[in-house]
Amino acid sequence: MTIIKIRILDNNPNGILEIKIANRSGKVIIVPRGELQEFIHTKEGMSRTIYFLFGGSDLEKSFVYIGQTDNFQRRLTQQDATRDDWDIAFGFFPGDNDVDIRYLEGKCIQLARDIGRYEIKNNQIPLKISLDNFGKPVNDEFFEDMNIILNLFRYPIFQKLPKKESAKDIYYFTIGNAKASGILLENNKFMVFEGSTARIEERPGFFVSGKNLRRLLKEEKVLVKNGDTYIFTRDYIFERPSSASGVIAGRNSNGWNEWKNEENKTLDEVKRKK
């Protein structure tokens, strides 16, 4: 059993939170971007931290930037002035040891890249840091605590994605000569499996956002022309089931009604009408 203690810094449960796991060292501060000025007034988080900036939209895959700093509050102020794309920040405070922080930063960036749930905004991976037999288990334990907190708040950046061969509850969508399959993920994101196909034609009235997303996926070579369809060259996570089905159909789509399982039940019937 894991016991988590939460302190609400500004009396707003959707605002700034300080979190500790019982009987563990370190803490976490969560700062929604809209609460940044309030956070500055608290005088909290002015020490060394490893931090995560999360953001994304229907058109853009969810992303994260991972960094480390000797003053979380000051760094967020800088990031607010120079980056316009993040929505929420997590600051993890394991202590003031620079080597520990750099070890955790490198581990987090590398693992997040390997898993691929989020686009990683970091341009470089820090040099790998080696720790002794005393430091490594302590920091690996703190990393597991970070993973627990991020999962608790629905940012499963370090959770491995299921492969099609072992996935359960697969959903299918067929329209014309296009056939696709995928699974529902946390926060109602939807992952379409590699090898799925999409229609080439786009129907009149297709939302501009859907057209732009298809264009983006073609530019990034996620969708590649393959005969009379496009084919997904890799697994791809959409922000909503309807975004996925719209890209596949080339038209406006309600993915909750169009994705169906092997029993021909819609995503809506299975997940919303239990």
Protein backbone atom coordinates (compact mmCIF):
# COMPACT_ATOMS: atom_id res chain seq x y z
CA MET A 1 0.00 0.00 0.00
CA THR A 2 1.23 3.49 -0.88
CA ILE A 3 0.05 6.40 1.26
CA ILE A 4 0.18 9.81 -0.40
CA LYS A 5 -0.16 13.11 1.44
CA ILE A 6 -1.42 16.15 -0.49
CA ARG A 7 -1.16 19.78 0.59
CA ILE A 8 -3.27 22.32 -1.30
CA LEU A 9 -1.17 25.48 -1.39
CA ASP A 10 -3.81 27.99 -2.55
CA ASN A 11 -7.04 26.37 -1.26
CA ASN A 12 -7.86 25.32 -4.83
CA PRO A 13 -7.87 21.53 -5.40
CA ASN A 14 -7.28 22.17 -9.11
CA GLY A 15 -4.43 24.55 -8.38
CA ILE A 16 -0.95 24.19 -6.86
CA LEU A 17 -0.36 20.94 -4.98
CA GLU A 18 2.49 19.72 -2.81
CA ILE A 19 2.69 15.94 -2.57
CA LYS A 20 4.66 13.56 -0.41
CA ILE A 21 4.70 9.78 -0.24
CA ALA A 22 4.58 8.61 3.38
CA ASN A 23 7.87 7.31 4.80
CA ARG A 24 9.84 8.50 1.74
CA SER A 25 12.18 11.41 1.25
CA GLY A 26 11.56 14.17 -1.25
CA LYS A 27 8.41 15.87 -2.44
CA VAL A 28 6.53 16.95 -5.59
CA ILE A 29 5.03 20.32 -6.48
CA ILE A 30 2.45 20.48 -9.29
CA VAL A 31 1.85 23.87 -10.91
CA PRO A 32 -0.85 24.46 -13.56
CA ARG A 33 0.42 27.19 -15.86
CA GLY A 34 -2.49 29.45 -15.05
CA GLU A 35 -1.44 29.36 -11.39
CA LEU A 36 2.20 30.33 -11.99
CA GLN A 37 1.93 33.84 -10.53
CA GLU A 38 0.24 32.43 -7.44
CA PHE A 39 3.07 29.90 -7.16
CA ILE A 40 5.67 32.67 -7.26
CA HIS A 41 3.96 34.36 -4.33
CA THR A 42 4.16 31.17 -2.23
CA LYS A 43 7.98 31.23 -2.11
CA GLU A 44 7.88 27.44 -2.53
CA GLY A 45 10.05 25.34 -4.83
CA MET A 46 13.17 27.48 -4.79
CA SER A 47 15.57 24.54 -4.61
CA ARG A 48 17.07 21.93 -6.93
CA THR A 49 14.57 19.83 -8.88
CA ILE A 50 13.95 17.64 -11.88
CA TYR A 51 10.89 18.97 -13.67
CA PHE A 52 8.40 17.98 -16.38
CA LEU A 53 6.42 20.35 -18.61
CA PHE A 54 3.39 18.70 -20.24
CA GLY A 55 1.24 19.97 -23.10
CA GLY A 56 -0.49 19.00 -26.33
CA SER A 57 -3.64 19.44 -28.40
CA ASP A 58 -5.86 17.52 -30.83
CA LEU A 59 -3.52 18.53 -33.64
CA GLU A 60 -0.32 17.91 -31.71
CA LYS A 61 0.66 14.69 -29.97
CA SER A 62 0.95 15.08 -26.19
CA PHE A 63 4.46 16.13 -25.35
CA VAL A 64 6.80 16.55 -22.41
CA TYR A 65 9.93 18.55 -21.75
CA ILE A 66 12.18 17.16 -19.01
CA GLY A 67 14.82 19.28 -17.33
CA GLN A 68 16.66 20.00 -14.11
CA THR A 69 17.38 23.24 -12.33
CA ASP A 70 18.68 24.61 -9.05
CA ASN A 71 15.55 26.77 -8.63
CA PHE A 72 12.19 25.39 -9.82
CA GLN A 73 10.32 28.66 -9.36
CA ARG A 74 12.84 30.70 -11.34
CA ARG A 75 13.02 28.12 -14.13
CA LEU A 76 9.23 28.04 -14.53
CA THR A 77 9.24 31.82 -14.84
CA GLN A 78 11.83 31.50 -17.62
CA GLN A 79 9.88 28.73 -19.35
CA ASP A 80 6.71 30.79 -19.16
CA ALA A 81 8.47 33.60 -21.03
CA THR A 82 10.12 31.43 -23.70
CA ARG A 83 7.69 28.52 -24.29
CA ASP A 84 4.03 28.96 -25.14
CA ASP A 85 3.09 25.30 -25.44
CA TRP A 86 3.05 23.78 -21.94
CA ASP A 87 0.03 23.51 -19.65
CA ILE A 88 1.23 22.03 -16.37
CA ALA A 89 4.54 21.50 -14.56
CA PHE A 90 5.65 18.79 -12.13
CA GLY A 91 8.70 19.50 -9.97
CA PHE A 92 10.31 16.58 -8.11
CA PHE A 93 12.66 17.38 -5.24
CA PRO A 94 14.91 14.43 -4.30
CA GLY A 95 17.53 16.58 -2.52
CA ASP A 96 20.37 18.91 -3.42
CA ASN A 97 22.88 16.41 -4.82
CA ASP A 98 23.68 17.51 -8.38
CA VAL A 99 24.82 14.03 -9.46
CA ASP A 100 21.55 12.48 -8.26
CA ILE A 101 19.50 15.06 -10.17
CA ARG A 102 21.46 14.56 -13.39
CA TYR A 103 21.17 10.77 -13.05
CA LEU A 104 17.39 11.03 -12.73
CA GLU A 105 17.13 13.53 -15.60
CA GLY A 106 19.04 11.27 -17.97
CA LYS A 107 17.11 8.18 -16.93
CA CYS A 108 13.75 9.92 -17.37
CA ILE A 109 14.55 11.34 -20.81
CA GLN A 110 15.95 8.07 -22.15
CA LEU A 111 13.09 5.93 -20.82
CA ALA A 112 10.43 8.36 -22.05
CA ARG A 113 12.00 8.29 -25.52
CA ASP A 114 12.16 4.49 -25.53
CA ILE A 115 8.51 4.08 -24.50
CA GLY A 116 7.15 6.70 -26.90
CA ARG A 117 3.87 7.68 -25.27
CA TYR A 118 4.79 11.36 -25.49
CA GLU A 119 6.73 13.45 -27.93
CA ILE A 120 9.95 14.43 -26.15
CA LYS A 121 10.76 18.10 -26.66
CA ASN A 122 14.34 17.73 -25.44
CA ASN A 123 16.81 18.07 -28.30
CA GLN A 124 19.58 16.23 -26.50
CA ILE A 125 19.93 13.36 -24.04
CA PRO A 126 22.24 14.18 -21.12
CA LEU A 127 25.37 12.12 -20.63
CA LYS A 128 24.73 8.92 -18.73
CA ILE A 129 25.62 9.23 -15.05
CA SER A 130 26.96 6.23 -13.14
CA LEU A 131 26.18 5.94 -9.44
CA ASP A 132 27.75 3.75 -6.79
CA ASN A 133 26.02 0.86 -5.04
CA PHE A 134 24.64 3.22 -2.41
CA GLY A 135 23.36 6.02 -4.62
CA LYS A 136 21.74 4.00 -7.40
CA PRO A 137 19.12 2.08 -5.37
CA VAL A 138 18.13 5.26 -3.52
CA ASN A 139 17.61 7.18 -6.77
CA ASP A 140 15.89 4.27 -8.49
CA GLU A 141 13.45 4.15 -5.58
CA PHE A 142 12.80 7.87 -5.98
CA PHE A 143 12.22 7.30 -9.70
CA GLU A 144 9.54 4.72 -8.85
CA ASP A 145 7.89 7.29 -6.60
CA MET A 146 7.94 9.76 -9.51
CA ASN A 147 6.28 7.14 -11.69
CA ILE A 148 3.54 6.59 -9.09
CA ILE A 149 2.75 10.31 -8.86
CA LEU A 150 2.74 10.85 -12.63
CA ASN A 151 0.42 7.88 -13.11
CA LEU A 152 -1.85 9.07 -10.31
CA PHE A 153 -2.36 12.35 -12.18
CA ARG A 154 -2.84 10.60 -15.54
CA TYR A 155 0.56 11.29 -17.08
CA PRO A 156 1.75 7.69 -17.67
CA ILE A 157 4.96 8.72 -19.40
CA PHE A 158 6.91 5.69 -18.19
CA GLN A 159 4.20 3.03 -18.71
CA LYS A 160 5.00 0.69 -21.58
CA LEU A 161 2.48 0.64 -24.42
CA PRO A 162 0.80 -2.68 -25.25
CA LYS A 163 1.73 -4.37 -28.50
CA LYS A 164 -1.00 -5.53 -30.86
CA GLU A 165 -0.02 -9.17 -30.38
CA SER A 166 -0.63 -9.01 -26.63
CA ALA A 167 -3.25 -6.24 -26.41
CA LYS A 168 -6.69 -6.84 -24.98
CA ASP A 169 -9.92 -5.06 -25.92
CA ILE A 170 -8.94 -4.24 -29.49
CA TYR A 171 -11.34 -2.10 -31.51
CA TYR A 172 -11.77 -2.05 -35.28
CA PHE A 173 -12.95 0.46 -37.85
CA THR A 174 -13.60 -0.35 -41.51
CA ILE A 175 -14.70 2.17 -44.11
CA GLY A 176 -14.46 1.49 -47.82
CA ASN A 177 -11.08 -0.09 -48.50
CA ALA A 178 -9.56 1.20 -45.24
CA LYS A 179 -9.23 -1.07 -42.22
CA ALA A 180 -7.82 -0.05 -38.86
CA SER A 181 -7.44 -1.42 -35.36
CA GLY A 182 -6.42 0.10 -32.05
CA ILE A 183 -6.98 0.36 -28.32
CA LEU A 184 -8.32 2.93 -25.87
CA LEU A 185 -5.68 4.33 -23.51
CA GLU A 186 -5.76 6.47 -20.38
CA ASN A 187 -7.56 9.82 -20.55
CA ASN A 188 -9.54 8.49 -23.55
CA LYS A 189 -6.55 8.69 -25.86
CA PHE A 190 -6.66 6.15 -28.69
CA MET A 191 -3.71 4.29 -30.20
CA VAL A 192 -4.00 3.08 -33.80
CA PHE A 193 -1.77 0.11 -34.57
CA GLU A 194 0.95 0.03 -37.19
CA GLY A 195 -0.31 -1.52 -40.43
CA SER A 196 -3.77 0.05 -40.18
CA THR A 197 -4.94 1.83 -43.33
CA ALA A 198 -6.80 5.07 -44.05
CA ARG A 199 -8.80 6.38 -46.99
CA ILE A 200 -7.01 8.68 -49.41
CA GLU A 201 -10.10 10.70 -50.30
CA GLU A 202 -11.42 13.43 -48.01
CA ARG A 203 -15.14 14.14 -47.86
CA PRO A 204 -16.64 17.64 -48.27
CA GLY A 205 -17.22 19.37 -44.94
CA PHE A 206 -14.31 17.62 -43.22
CA PHE A 207 -13.20 19.84 -40.34
CA VAL A 208 -10.06 21.89 -40.96
CA SER A 209 -8.53 20.42 -37.79
CA GLY A 210 -8.95 16.92 -39.21
CA LYS A 211 -7.43 17.92 -42.54
CA ASN A 212 -4.50 19.53 -40.76
CA LEU A 213 -3.91 16.43 -38.66
CA ARG A 214 -3.87 14.20 -41.74
CA ARG A 215 -1.44 16.59 -43.41
CA LEU A 216 0.80 16.54 -40.34
CA LEU A 217 0.82 12.73 -40.20
CA LYS A 218 1.75 12.56 -43.88
CA GLU A 219 4.55 15.07 -43.38
CA GLU A 220 5.90 13.02 -40.46
CA LYS A 221 5.63 9.81 -42.52
CA VAL A 222 3.20 8.28 -40.03
CA LEU A 223 0.80 7.96 -42.98
CA VAL A 224 2.38 6.80 -46.24
CA LYS A 225 0.58 6.12 -49.51
CA ASN A 226 0.30 2.39 -50.16
CA GLY A 227 -1.65 1.65 -53.33
CA ASP A 228 -5.19 2.96 -52.94
CA THR A 229 -4.89 3.71 -49.20
CA TYR A 230 -2.57 5.31 -46.68
CA ILE A 231 -0.86 2.95 -44.26
CA PHE A 232 0.26 3.66 -40.69
CA THR A 233 4.01 3.09 -40.55
CA ARG A 234 4.01 2.91 -36.75
CA ASP A 235 1.67 2.87 -33.78
CA TYR A 236 0.25 6.34 -33.24
CA ILE A 237 -1.56 7.84 -30.24
CA PHE A 238 -4.45 10.21 -30.98
CA GLU A 239 -5.84 12.56 -28.36
CA ARG A 240 -9.40 11.25 -28.92
CA PRO A 241 -11.07 8.24 -30.57
CA SER A 242 -12.85 10.62 -32.95
CA SER A 243 -9.56 12.15 -34.09
CA ALA A 244 -8.37 8.66 -34.99
CA SER A 245 -11.49 7.62 -36.89
CA GLY A 246 -11.69 11.00 -38.63
CA VAL A 247 -8.15 10.66 -39.98
CA ILE A 248 -8.90 7.12 -41.17
CA ALA A 249 -12.22 8.01 -42.79
CA GLY A 250 -11.20 11.37 -44.25
CA ARG A 251 -14.36 12.90 -42.84
CA ASN A 252 -15.95 14.06 -39.60
CA SER A 253 -16.47 11.08 -37.33
CA ASN A 254 -17.75 10.09 -33.89
CA GLY A 255 -15.15 7.56 -32.87
CA TRP A 256 -17.14 6.41 -29.86
CA ASN A 257 -19.73 5.00 -32.27
CA GLU A 258 -17.46 3.91 -35.13
CA TRP A 259 -14.82 1.89 -33.28
CA LYS A 260 -16.22 -1.60 -32.56
CA ASN A 261 -14.87 -4.70 -30.87
CA GLU A 262 -15.02 -8.29 -32.12
CA GLU A 263 -18.55 -8.59 -30.71
CA ASN A 264 -19.62 -5.60 -32.83
CA LYS A 265 -20.15 -3.44 -29.75
CA THR A 266 -19.15 0.19 -30.05
CA LEU A 267 -16.60 1.89 -27.85
CA ASP A 268 -19.49 3.88 -26.41
CA GLU A 269 -21.42 0.75 -25.47
CA VAL A 270 -18.45 -0.92 -23.83
CA LYS A 271 -16.85 2.00 -22.00
CA ARG A 272 -19.61 4.51 -21.37
CA LYS A 273 -22.70 2.38 -20.84
CA LYS A 274 -21.47 -0.29 -18.45
